[in-house]
Amino acid sequence: MVILVTVLYPGSFDPITNGHLDIIRRIIGFGGNVVVGVMHNVYKESSFLFSQDQRVSLIRAALKEGLGRDDIGVVVFSGLLVDVFEEYGADVVARGARYGGEFEREVCQACANRAMNPRCETIFIPSSPENAFISSSRVVEIARFGGDVSGMVPECVSKALKYKF
């Protein structure tokens, strides 16, 4: 029996990486709908490399380029994750987890979300070994200093980073 679910995959995606795409590819395998939630934090707006609109455009381009998909929802949200979880009728939140302390932070956040909404379950998808070292901030740092990030991000993101720097 296949149970169709709506999976919310939230993040800042500044920028989207091959690690993010790998997690989305694996979420798609669950069946049902995937909603990529782009966090908009007015308090962090000046610290983002790409604007909210640019991040959404890059995500859509990366989904098409990297996964051949243009049917995945990409939404912007601010405020509490549990609110967007309800707004989009999600059944579960998916979070990618690299190694080290990141997993502990994610578990604490999942517990807080569940305390606010007992229906808000979180699943953790460990990074594939080839993507475990990739993070948006690491990609940006490498690109800022002229390094090659083509193996870490989709081509559309690599081009956008070259244009930025």
Foldseek 3Di string as FASTA:
>chain_A
DQDAFEEEEEDQPLPPKVQNVVQVVVVVVSHHAYEYEHEDDVVCQVVRLDHPVVRQVQVQVCCCQVVVDNPHHYYYDYDDPLVVCVVVVGQEYEYEDADDPRVVVVVVSQVVSCVVPVSYHYDYDYTDPVQRVDDSVVLLVCLVVPHDCPVIHPPVVSVVSVVSD
